[in-house]
Protein backbone atom coordinates (compact mmCIF):
# COMPACT_ATOMS: atom_id res chain seq x y z
CA MET A 1 0.55 12.01 -2.23
CA ASP A 2 0.98 12.51 -5.94
CA VAL A 3 -0.09 9.32 -7.72
CA ILE A 4 2.29 9.90 -10.66
CA PHE A 5 5.22 10.28 -8.24
CA VAL A 6 4.29 7.00 -6.52
CA LYS A 7 3.89 5.11 -9.81
CA ARG A 8 7.24 6.35 -11.09
CA ASN A 9 9.00 5.30 -7.89
CA VAL A 10 7.32 1.88 -7.85
CA VAL A 11 8.46 1.25 -11.44
CA GLN A 12 12.02 2.36 -10.60
CA LEU A 13 12.13 0.11 -7.51
CA THR A 14 10.72 -2.82 -9.49
CA LEU A 15 13.44 -2.42 -12.11
CA LEU A 16 16.11 -2.28 -9.39
CA MET A 17 14.73 -5.46 -7.81
CA LEU A 18 14.87 -7.27 -11.15
CA GLN A 19 18.53 -6.31 -11.59
CA GLN A 20 19.71 -7.91 -8.32
CA ASP A 21 22.18 -10.82 -8.57
CA LYS A 22 20.18 -13.03 -6.23
CA PRO A 23 16.46 -13.07 -5.39
CA ASP A 24 15.30 -11.63 -2.09
CA ASP A 25 12.09 -10.52 -0.39
CA GLN A 26 11.35 -6.84 -0.90
CA VAL A 27 8.81 -4.35 0.43
CA VAL A 28 7.83 -1.30 -1.59
CA ALA A 29 6.19 1.25 0.68
CA THR A 30 5.32 4.93 0.85
CA GLY A 31 5.67 5.17 4.63
CA GLU A 32 2.12 6.54 4.79
CA ILE A 33 -0.67 4.83 6.69
CA GLN A 34 -3.75 3.97 4.65
CA THR A 35 -6.88 2.17 5.81
CA ILE A 36 -8.98 -0.36 3.96
CA ARG A 37 -11.71 2.29 3.87
CA ASP A 38 -9.25 4.68 2.15
CA PHE A 39 -8.61 1.99 -0.48
CA LEU A 40 -12.34 1.34 -0.92
CA ASP A 41 -13.11 5.06 -1.22
CA LEU A 42 -10.44 5.52 -3.86
CA SER A 43 -11.05 2.38 -5.92
CA PHE A 44 -14.85 2.48 -5.91
CA GLY A 45 -14.75 6.26 -6.39
CA HIS A 46 -12.84 5.80 -9.66
CA ALA A 47 -15.73 3.64 -10.86
CA GLY A 48 -18.30 6.17 -9.63
CA LEU A 49 -19.67 3.70 -7.08
CA GLU A 50 -20.32 3.85 -3.34
CA TRP A 51 -18.49 0.92 -1.75
CA GLN A 52 -20.99 0.75 1.12
CA LYS A 53 -23.54 -0.67 -1.34
CA TYR A 54 -21.23 -3.54 -2.36
CA VAL A 55 -19.01 -4.36 0.63
CA GLU A 56 -20.14 -6.05 3.82
CA ILE A 57 -17.98 -5.56 6.91
CA ASP A 58 -17.91 -8.40 9.43
CA PRO A 59 -16.71 -7.17 12.87
CA LYS A 60 -15.33 -10.63 13.70
CA TYR A 61 -12.37 -9.79 11.45
CA TYR A 62 -11.48 -6.57 13.28
CA ARG A 63 -8.06 -6.62 14.92
CA PRO A 64 -7.81 -5.83 18.60
CA ALA A 65 -6.60 -2.31 19.28
CA GLU A 66 -2.84 -2.13 18.98
CA GLU A 67 -0.42 0.37 20.45
CA GLY A 68 1.01 2.68 17.85
CA SER A 69 0.45 2.31 14.16
CA ARG A 70 2.04 0.14 11.54
CA SER A 71 3.64 1.39 8.37
CA SER A 72 6.45 0.22 6.14
CA GLY A 73 9.62 2.12 5.55
CA SER A 74 11.57 2.27 2.35
CA CYS A 75 15.10 2.55 3.76
CA ARG A 76 16.28 -0.82 2.43
CA GLY A 77 15.17 -0.02 -1.11
CA ILE A 78 17.03 3.26 -0.95
CA THR A 79 20.26 1.87 0.52
CA ASP A 80 20.58 -1.45 -1.37
């Protein structure tokens, strides 16, 4: 996904949220599934570092296997 496209849309959605008459909970999502490892690869990669040298993974925090996958949709942000 194009990072500039995502940033532009996040800014536009943030401005729309700030213009609402009453506060409400909002979710800004791309609809794409990303893992923590994806995040670590990207963020540490920008710093030129290997995350495996700095991050310790404790298996006790793993979630049990779940049916299907979880992702957020953006339909409310588009329709409201």
